[in-house]
Amino acid sequence: MRFIRLILPLAAVALAVFGAAPAASAQVSPHIIDGQQASSGPWAARLFVNGQQECSATIIAPQWVLTARHCVQSSGTYTFHIGSLDQTAGESATAVEIDQSPDVDLALAKLDHEVQATYAPLGDSSAVNVGDTVQLYGWGATCTDRPEIQCQSRYLKYANVQVSDTGCDSGLGGLSICVTRIDGIAAGGDSGGPMFATSPVDGQQYQVGVASTSDRSSYSAYANVTQYRDWIQSIAGV
C-alpha cells in the first residue's frame, strides 16, 4: 500500500496508506501483520503498477475492480491478477479507465475485458456496526522490521479485527470504518483490500470497507463502502 505506505497510505507497500491512529494525521499503507493465510477469496484482485506489486483490491462486476484511490494516483500501467489466492497467478486484466471518488479513498478500475469470477457483494449500513468482529484481506507486508516491499505475502492473508467506529476520519477524506486489532492488522500492500462483515439480517458476508490507512500495529481505517454505494453504482452498476 503506497498510501498505505498506510497511516502512511496503505498502498505503498504495506501500510503506508492505511494511516495511523485517529490522533495521528500521518498516513501509512497497510498489509496483514500476523493474521492467517486465507483458504478462500474468489473475489480477490492483486494490483500491479508497471509490473510491480502494489495494492490489494476486489472484483465487484465483470469489468470492474474496487480499490483505494491512493493506489491509482501514479502514472503507469495498472494490471490485476484476479481470482487466485496466489498473487502471481489468476486471470490477468489491464485497467483501461480509472474513476477516483472525489470524497473518499475509493477508486474503480474498468478492465480491458470481462472476467468471470465470484464478485464481491457490497453491503449497506446494516451490515456493519460498532463492536462487530470483521475480516481484513490483503497481500500486504508481514513484517515491521524492514522495508515492507521485502516481505509482502505471496498468498492472500486475513485478520480478525473489531469495529470501533463506522464514521471515523482516515485522514484521506470521507467516512471510514475504524478497527482495532484482534489477531492481526493491515499494513503496506494491503491498501485497497477489502473488509468483510457478516450481516445480522441474512447472515451473509458483504464487503463494507476498502483499506485506506493503518499504524501497522493496532489500528486501521477503511473507506466505508456502505456510505458510497450510490457513487459506485453510478459507475460500475452494482
C-alpha atoms as a PDB file:
ATOM      1  CA  MET A   1       0.000   0.000   0.000  1.00  0.00           C
ATOM      2  CA  ARG A   2       1.746   3.003  -1.163  1.00  0.00           C
ATOM      3  CA  PHE A   3      -0.531   5.443   0.568  1.00  0.00           C
ATOM      4  CA  ILE A   4      -0.692   2.512   2.881  1.00  0.00           C
ATOM      5  CA  ARG A   5       2.539   3.124   2.770  1.00  0.00           C
ATOM      6  CA  LEU A   6      -0.899   3.043   5.225  1.00  0.00           C
ATOM      7  CA  ILE A   7      -1.010   5.611   8.195  1.00  0.00           C
ATOM      8  CA  LEU A   8       1.063   6.194   5.759  1.00  0.00           C
ATOM      9  CA  PRO A   9      -1.289   5.319   2.763  1.00  0.00           C
ATOM     10  CA  LEU A  10      -1.575   1.552   2.815  1.00  0.00           C
ATOM     11  CA  ALA A  11      -0.698   1.302  -0.783  1.00  0.00           C
ATOM     12  CA  ALA A  12       2.902   1.950  -0.620  1.00  0.00           C
ATOM     13  CA  VAL A  13       3.905  -1.294   0.169  1.00  0.00           C
ATOM     14  CA  ALA A  14       2.263  -2.311   3.132  1.00  0.00           C
ATOM     15  CA  LEU A  15       0.953   0.198   5.439  1.00  0.00           C
ATOM     16  CA  ALA A  16       1.828   3.481   4.071  1.00  0.00           C
ATOM     17  CA  VAL A  17      -1.627   4.466   3.245  1.00  0.00           C
ATOM     18  CA  PHE A  18      -3.501   2.881   5.986  1.00  0.00           C
ATOM     19  CA  GLY A  19      -2.882   5.715   8.325  1.00  0.00           C
ATOM     20  CA  ALA A  20      -2.088   5.959  11.927  1.00  0.00           C
ATOM     21  CA  ALA A  21      -4.391   6.080  14.846  1.00  0.00           C
ATOM     22  CA  PRO A  22      -7.030   8.773  14.740  1.00  0.00           C
ATOM     23  CA  ALA A  23      -4.892  11.161  16.717  1.00  0.00           C
ATOM     24  CA  ALA A  24      -2.123  10.938  14.180  1.00  0.00           C
ATOM     25  CA  SER A  25      -2.634  12.590  10.825  1.00  0.00           C
ATOM     26  CA  ALA A  26       0.340  10.870   9.256  1.00  0.00           C
ATOM     27  CA  GLN A  27      -0.608   8.263   6.701  1.00  0.00           C
ATOM     28  CA  VAL A  28       0.746   4.790   6.012  1.00  0.00           C
ATOM     29  CA  SER A  29      -0.157   1.875   3.728  1.00  0.00           C
ATOM     30  CA  PRO A  30      -1.295  -1.470   5.157  1.00  0.00           C
ATOM     31  CA  HIS A  31      -0.518  -5.170   4.909  1.00  0.00           C
ATOM     32  CA  ILE A  32      -1.630  -8.049   7.092  1.00  0.00           C
ATOM     33  CA  ILE A  33       0.624  -8.247  10.142  1.00  0.00           C
ATOM     34  CA  ASP A  34       0.056 -11.613  11.836  1.00  0.00           C
ATOM     35  CA  GLY A  35      -3.417 -12.910  10.978  1.00  0.00           C
ATOM     36  CA  GLN A  36      -3.513 -16.111   8.921  1.00  0.00           C
ATOM     37  CA  GLN A  37      -3.498 -17.423   5.370  1.00  0.00           C
ATOM     38  CA  ALA A  38      -6.859 -17.280   3.621  1.00  0.00           C
ATOM     39  CA  SER A  39      -8.418 -20.517   2.365  1.00  0.00           C
ATOM     40  CA  SER A  40     -10.866 -18.754   0.049  1.00  0.00           C
ATOM     41  CA  GLY A  41     -11.049 -15.427  -1.790  1.00  0.00           C
ATOM     42  CA  PRO A  42     -12.533 -15.873  -5.293  1.00  0.00           C
ATOM     43  CA  TRP A  43     -13.223 -12.097  -5.495  1.00  0.00           C
ATOM     44  CA  ALA A  44      -9.622 -11.181  -4.673  1.00  0.00           C
ATOM     45  CA  ALA A  45      -7.580  -9.000  -7.046  1.00  0.00           C
ATOM     46  CA  ARG A  46      -3.907  -8.031  -6.764  1.00  0.00           C
ATOM     47  CA  LEU A  47      -2.898  -4.687  -8.289  1.00  0.00           C
ATOM     48  CA  PHE A  48       0.430  -4.253 -10.078  1.00  0.00           C
ATOM     49  CA  VAL A  49       1.728  -0.896 -11.316  1.00  0.00           C
ATOM     50  CA  ASN A  50       4.182  -1.223 -14.201  1.00  0.00           C
ATOM     51  CA  GLY A  51       4.666  -4.846 -13.139  1.00  0.00           C
ATOM     52  CA  GLN A  52       5.420  -4.003  -9.500  1.00  0.00           C
ATOM     53  CA  GLN A  53       3.209  -5.440  -6.740  1.00  0.00           C
ATOM     54  CA  GLU A  54       1.361  -2.513  -5.240  1.00  0.00           C
ATOM     55  CA  CYS A  55      -2.082  -2.918  -3.641  1.00  0.00           C
ATOM     56  CA  SER A  56      -4.950  -5.286  -2.967  1.00  0.00           C
ATOM     57  CA  ALA A  57      -8.446  -4.994  -4.472  1.00  0.00           C
ATOM     58  CA  THR A  58     -11.689  -6.849  -5.226  1.00  0.00           C
ATOM     59  CA  ILE A  59     -13.586  -7.572  -8.421  1.00  0.00           C
ATOM     60  CA  ILE A  60     -17.195  -6.411  -7.969  1.00  0.00           C
ATOM     61  CA  ALA A  61     -18.562  -6.844 -11.525  1.00  0.00           C
ATOM     62  CA  PRO A  62     -17.353  -8.484 -14.782  1.00  0.00           C
ATOM     63  CA  GLN A  63     -15.315  -5.415 -15.821  1.00  0.00           C
ATOM     64  CA  TRP A  64     -14.912  -3.506 -12.568  1.00  0.00           C
ATOM     65  CA  VAL A  65     -12.407  -3.676  -9.717  1.00  0.00           C
ATOM     66  CA  LEU A  66     -12.731  -1.720  -6.456  1.00  0.00           C
ATOM     67  CA  THR A  67      -9.592  -0.445  -4.708  1.00  0.00           C
ATOM     68  CA  ALA A  68      -8.247   2.611  -2.862  1.00  0.00           C
ATOM     69  CA  ARG A  69      -7.842   5.985  -4.539  1.00  0.00           C
ATOM     70  CA  HIS A  70      -4.313   6.369  -3.254  1.00  0.00           C
ATOM     71  CA  CYS A  71      -3.357   3.169  -5.095  1.00  0.00           C
ATOM     72  CA  VAL A  72      -4.055   4.620  -8.541  1.00  0.00           C
ATOM     73  CA  GLN A  73      -2.611   8.123  -8.401  1.00  0.00           C
ATOM     74  CA  SER A  74       0.744   7.432 -10.028  1.00  0.00           C
ATOM     75  CA  SER A  75       1.338   7.236 -13.769  1.00  0.00           C
ATOM     76  CA  GLY A  76       1.803   3.858 -15.380  1.00  0.00           C
ATOM     77  CA  THR A  77       0.030   0.680 -16.434  1.00  0.00           C
ATOM     78  CA  TYR A  78      -2.358  -0.876 -13.922  1.00  0.00           C
ATOM     79  CA  THR A  79      -2.813  -4.631 -14.187  1.00  0.00           C
ATOM     80  CA  PHE A  80      -4.704  -7.025 -11.943  1.00  0.00           C
ATOM     81  CA  HIS A  81      -4.338 -10.726 -11.161  1.00  0.00           C
ATOM     82  CA  ILE A  82      -7.848 -11.878 -10.291  1.00  0.00           C
ATOM     83  CA  GLY A  83      -9.404 -14.884  -8.577  1.00  0.00           C
ATOM     84  CA  SER A  84      -6.371 -16.607  -7.044  1.00  0.00           C
ATOM     85  CA  LEU A  85      -5.002 -16.729  -3.516  1.00  0.00           C
ATOM     86  CA  ASP A  86      -1.524 -16.671  -5.118  1.00  0.00           C
ATOM     87  CA  GLN A  87      -0.738 -13.142  -6.285  1.00  0.00           C
ATOM     88  CA  THR A  88       1.449 -14.499  -9.096  1.00  0.00           C
ATOM     89  CA  ALA A  89      -1.483 -16.446 -10.568  1.00  0.00           C
ATOM     90  CA  GLY A  90      -5.092 -15.804 -11.546  1.00  0.00           C
ATOM     91  CA  GLU A  91      -6.560 -14.188 -14.649  1.00  0.00           C
ATOM     92  CA  SER A  92      -4.715 -11.070 -15.782  1.00  0.00           C
ATOM     93  CA  ALA A  93      -6.546  -7.916 -16.887  1.00  0.00           C
ATOM     94  CA  THR A  94      -5.434  -4.339 -17.563  1.00  0.00           C
ATOM     95  CA  ALA A  95      -7.249  -1.177 -16.481  1.00  0.00           C
ATOM     96  CA  VAL A  96      -8.483   0.975 -19.371  1.00  0.00           C
ATOM     97  CA  GLU A  97     -10.283   3.524 -17.174  1.00  0.00           C
ATOM     98  CA  ILE A  98      -9.777   4.769 -13.616  1.00  0.00           C
ATOM     99  CA  ASP A  99     -12.501   6.600 -11.677  1.00  0.00           C
ATOM    100  CA  GLN A 100     -11.482   8.179  -8.376  1.00  0.00           C
ATOM    101  CA  SER A 101     -14.018   9.161  -5.748  1.00  0.00           C
ATOM    102  CA  PRO A 102     -13.922  12.912  -5.051  1.00  0.00           C
ATOM    103  CA  ASP A 103     -14.988  12.313  -1.453  1.00  0.00           C
ATOM    104  CA  VAL A 104     -13.193   9.299  -0.002  1.00  0.00           C
ATOM    105  CA  ASP A 105     -10.263   6.912  -0.538  1.00  0.00           C
ATOM    106  CA  LEU A 106     -12.048   4.737  -3.123  1.00  0.00           C
ATOM    107  CA  ALA A 107     -11.400   4.109  -6.818  1.00  0.00           C
ATOM    108  CA  LEU A 108     -12.861   1.950  -9.567  1.00  0.00           C
ATOM    109  CA  ALA A 109     -10.850   0.425 -12.395  1.00  0.00           C
ATOM    110  CA  LYS A 110     -12.549  -0.677 -15.607  1.00  0.00           C
ATOM    111  CA  LEU A 111     -10.881  -3.757 -17.104  1.00  0.00           C
ATOM    112  CA  ASP A 112      -9.987  -4.342 -20.747  1.00  0.00           C
ATOM    113  CA  HIS A 113     -12.207  -7.454 -20.797  1.00  0.00           C
ATOM    114  CA  GLU A 114     -14.877  -9.172 -18.738  1.00  0.00           C
ATOM    115  CA  VAL A 115     -13.622 -11.582 -16.087  1.00  0.00           C
ATOM    116  CA  GLN A 116     -15.792 -14.463 -14.931  1.00  0.00           C
ATOM    117  CA  ALA A 117     -15.405 -14.661 -11.161  1.00  0.00           C
ATOM    118  CA  THR A 118     -17.246 -14.630  -7.882  1.00  0.00           C
ATOM    119  CA  TYR A 119     -17.802 -10.896  -7.464  1.00  0.00           C
ATOM    120  CA  ALA A 120     -17.565  -9.326  -4.017  1.00  0.00           C
ATOM    121  CA  PRO A 121     -21.081  -8.432  -2.796  1.00  0.00           C
ATOM    122  CA  LEU A 122     -21.244  -4.904  -1.377  1.00  0.00           C
ATOM    123  CA  GLY A 123     -23.052  -4.296   1.891  1.00  0.00           C
ATOM    124  CA  ASP A 124     -25.267  -1.494   3.173  1.00  0.00           C
ATOM    125  CA  SER A 125     -25.023   0.227   6.547  1.00  0.00           C
ATOM    126  CA  SER A 126     -26.974  -2.563   8.279  1.00  0.00           C
ATOM    127  CA  ALA A 127     -24.119  -4.986   7.612  1.00  0.00           C
ATOM    128  CA  VAL A 128     -21.574  -3.426   9.978  1.00  0.00           C
ATOM    129  CA  ASN A 129     -21.843  -1.977  13.481  1.00  0.00           C
ATOM    130  CA  VAL A 130     -19.576  -0.825  16.292  1.00  0.00           C
ATOM    131  CA  GLY A 131     -18.351  -3.819  18.277  1.00  0.00           C
ATOM    132  CA  ASP A 132     -18.575  -6.263  15.345  1.00  0.00           C
ATOM    133  CA  THR A 133     -15.730  -8.629  14.535  1.00  0.00           C
ATOM    134  CA  VAL A 134     -14.892  -8.254  10.828  1.00  0.00           C
ATOM    135  CA  GLN A 135     -12.223  -9.622   8.497  1.00  0.00           C
ATOM    136  CA  LEU A 136      -9.495  -7.771   6.569  1.00  0.00           C
ATOM    137  CA  TYR A 137      -7.882  -9.349   3.475  1.00  0.00           C
ATOM    138  CA  GLY A 138      -4.715  -8.491   1.563  1.00  0.00           C
ATOM    139  CA  TRP A 139      -1.293  -9.361   0.207  1.00  0.00           C
ATOM    140  CA  GLY A 140       0.480  -6.674   2.215  1.00  0.00           C
ATOM    141  CA  ALA A 141       3.561  -6.670   4.362  1.00  0.00           C
ATOM    142  CA  THR A 142       4.030  -9.304   7.019  1.00  0.00           C
ATOM    143  CA  CYS A 143       6.911  -7.574   8.838  1.00  0.00           C
ATOM    144  CA  THR A 144       7.652  -4.314  10.614  1.00  0.00           C
ATOM    145  CA  ASP A 145      11.433  -4.624  10.953  1.00  0.00           C
ATOM    146  CA  ARG A 146      12.429  -3.934   7.317  1.00  0.00           C
ATOM    147  CA  PRO A 147      11.032  -2.292   4.158  1.00  0.00           C
ATOM    148  CA  GLU A 148       7.552  -3.669   3.529  1.00  0.00           C
ATOM    149  CA  ILE A 149       8.293  -4.328  -0.134  1.00  0.00           C
ATOM    150  CA  GLN A 150      10.667  -7.041   1.068  1.00  0.00           C
ATOM    151  CA  CYS A 151       8.072  -9.005   2.999  1.00  0.00           C
ATOM    152  CA  GLN A 152       4.759  -8.774   1.188  1.00  0.00           C
ATOM    153  CA  SER A 153       2.893 -12.048   1.215  1.00  0.00           C
ATOM    154  CA  ARG A 154       2.697 -14.168  -1.931  1.00  0.00           C
ATOM    155  CA  TYR A 155      -0.569 -15.676  -0.681  1.00  0.00           C
ATOM    156  CA  LEU A 156      -3.719 -13.856   0.419  1.00  0.00           C
ATOM    157  CA  LYS A 157      -3.950 -13.351   4.179  1.00  0.00           C
ATOM    158  CA  TYR A 158      -6.708 -12.232   6.506  1.00  0.00           C
ATOM    159  CA  ALA A 159      -7.034 -10.937  10.050  1.00  0.00           C
ATOM    160  CA  ASN A 160      -9.878 -10.515  12.510  1.00  0.00           C
ATOM    161  CA  VAL A 161     -10.388  -7.019  13.894  1.00  0.00           C
ATOM    162  CA  GLN A 162     -13.046  -5.210  15.939  1.00  0.00           C
ATOM    163  CA  VAL A 163     -15.028  -2.217  14.670  1.00  0.00           C
ATOM    164  CA  SER A 164     -14.566   0.847  16.887  1.00  0.00           C
ATOM    165  CA  ASP A 165     -16.278   3.470  14.683  1.00  0.00           C
ATOM    166  CA  THR A 166     -18.266   3.429  11.424  1.00  0.00           C
ATOM    167  CA  GLY A 167     -17.883   7.132  10.688  1.00  0.00           C
ATOM    168  CA  CYS A 168     -14.278   7.984  11.525  1.00  0.00           C
ATOM    169  CA  ASP A 169     -11.741  10.070   9.578  1.00  0.00           C
ATOM    170  CA  SER A 170      -8.835   8.210   7.965  1.00  0.00           C
ATOM    171  CA  GLY A 171      -7.082  11.470   7.139  1.00  0.00           C
ATOM    172  CA  LEU A 172      -7.793  10.992   3.431  1.00  0.00           C
ATOM    173  CA  GLY A 173     -11.310  12.417   3.417  1.00  0.00           C
ATOM    174  CA  GLY A 174     -14.799  10.993   3.704  1.00  0.00           C
ATOM    175  CA  LEU A 175     -16.246   8.469   6.132  1.00  0.00           C
ATOM    176  CA  SER A 176     -14.260   5.412   7.195  1.00  0.00           C
ATOM    177  CA  ILE A 177     -14.678   2.353   9.387  1.00  0.00           C
ATOM    178  CA  CYS A 178     -12.031   2.279  12.096  1.00  0.00           C
ATOM    179  CA  VAL A 179     -10.952  -1.038  13.577  1.00  0.00           C
ATOM    180  CA  THR A 180      -8.622  -2.316  16.269  1.00  0.00           C
ATOM    181  CA  ARG A 181      -6.523  -5.454  16.236  1.00  0.00           C
ATOM    182  CA  ILE A 182      -7.735  -8.854  17.404  1.00  0.00           C
ATOM    183  CA  ASP A 183      -5.284 -11.293  15.767  1.00  0.00           C
ATOM    184  CA  GLY A 184      -3.718  -9.064  13.122  1.00  0.00           C
ATOM    185  CA  ILE A 185      -3.849  -5.698  11.361  1.00  0.00           C
ATOM    186  CA  ALA A 186      -3.393  -4.211   7.856  1.00  0.00           C
ATOM    187  CA  ALA A 187      -0.100  -2.910   6.529  1.00  0.00           C
ATOM    188  CA  GLY A 188       1.533  -1.675   3.313  1.00  0.00           C
ATOM    189  CA  GLY A 189       0.400  -3.640   0.281  1.00  0.00           C
ATOM    190  CA  ASP A 190      -2.983  -4.280   1.916  1.00  0.00           C
ATOM    191  CA  SER A 191      -4.174  -0.881   0.734  1.00  0.00           C
ATOM    192  CA  GLY A 192      -7.254  -1.181  -1.420  1.00  0.00           C
ATOM    193  CA  GLY A 193      -8.087  -4.586   0.008  1.00  0.00           C
ATOM    194  CA  PRO A 194     -11.493  -5.462   1.459  1.00  0.00           C
ATOM    195  CA  MET A 195     -13.098  -5.557   4.846  1.00  0.00           C
ATOM    196  CA  PHE A 196     -15.895  -8.142   5.067  1.00  0.00           C
ATOM    197  CA  ALA A 197     -18.675  -8.168   7.660  1.00  0.00           C
ATOM    198  CA  THR A 198     -21.385 -10.723   8.364  1.00  0.00           C
ATOM    199  CA  SER A 199     -24.816  -9.134   8.044  1.00  0.00           C
ATOM    200  CA  PRO A 200     -27.094  -9.606  11.067  1.00  0.00           C
ATOM    201  CA  VAL A 201     -30.022  -9.504   8.637  1.00  0.00           C
ATOM    202  CA  ASP A 202     -29.270 -12.506   6.414  1.00  0.00           C
ATOM    203  CA  GLY A 203     -26.039 -13.974   7.836  1.00  0.00           C
ATOM    204  CA  GLN A 204     -24.146 -13.408   4.578  1.00  0.00           C
ATOM    205  CA  GLN A 205     -20.736 -11.765   4.234  1.00  0.00           C
ATOM    206  CA  TYR A 206     -20.522  -8.420   2.458  1.00  0.00           C
ATOM    207  CA  GLN A 207     -17.681  -6.094   1.623  1.00  0.00           C
ATOM    208  CA  VAL A 208     -18.120  -2.976   3.738  1.00  0.00           C
ATOM    209  CA  GLY A 209     -14.716  -1.302   3.537  1.00  0.00           C
ATOM    210  CA  VAL A 210     -11.569  -0.653   1.495  1.00  0.00           C
ATOM    211  CA  ALA A 211      -8.157  -0.420   3.189  1.00  0.00           C
ATOM    212  CA  SER A 212      -7.001   3.157   3.463  1.00  0.00           C
ATOM    213  CA  THR A 213      -4.616   3.811   6.375  1.00  0.00           C
ATOM    214  CA  SER A 214      -3.039   1.956   9.290  1.00  0.00           C
ATOM    215  CA  ASP A 215      -0.432   2.198  12.019  1.00  0.00           C
ATOM    216  CA  ARG A 216       0.729  -1.375  11.230  1.00  0.00           C
ATOM    217  CA  SER A 217       0.337  -2.216  14.868  1.00  0.00           C
ATOM    218  CA  SER A 218      -3.143  -1.949  16.353  1.00  0.00           C
ATOM    219  CA  TYR A 219      -5.331   0.374  14.263  1.00  0.00           C
ATOM    220  CA  SER A 220      -6.592   0.669  10.675  1.00  0.00           C
ATOM    221  CA  ALA A 221      -9.129   2.816   8.838  1.00  0.00           C
ATOM    222  CA  TYR A 222     -11.115   1.513   5.855  1.00  0.00           C
ATOM    223  CA  ALA A 223     -13.120   3.722   3.498  1.00  0.00           C
ATOM    224  CA  ASN A 224     -16.757   2.983   4.363  1.00  0.00           C
ATOM    225  CA  VAL A 225     -18.136   1.361   1.196  1.00  0.00           C
ATOM    226  CA  THR A 226     -21.671   1.288   2.594  1.00  0.00           C
ATOM    227  CA  GLN A 227     -21.803   5.106   2.552  1.00  0.00           C
ATOM    228  CA  TYR A 228     -20.690   5.465  -1.075  1.00  0.00           C
ATOM    229  CA  ARG A 229     -22.834   2.859  -2.811  1.00  0.00           C
ATOM    230  CA  ASP A 230     -24.536   5.495  -4.974  1.00  0.00           C
ATOM    231  CA  TRP A 231     -21.177   6.606  -6.404  1.00  0.00           C
ATOM    232  CA  ILE A 232     -20.086   3.003  -7.033  1.00  0.00           C
ATOM    233  CA  GLN A 233     -23.413   2.127  -8.691  1.00  0.00           C
ATOM    234  CA  SER A 234     -23.323   5.214 -10.913  1.00  0.00           C
ATOM    235  CA  ILE A 235     -20.063   3.970 -12.454  1.00  0.00           C
ATOM    236  CA  ALA A 236     -19.949   0.183 -12.098  1.00  0.00           C
ATOM    237  CA  GLY A 237     -23.674  -0.510 -11.974  1.00  0.00           C
ATOM    238  CA  VAL A 238     -23.575  -2.529  -8.731  1.00  0.00           C
END
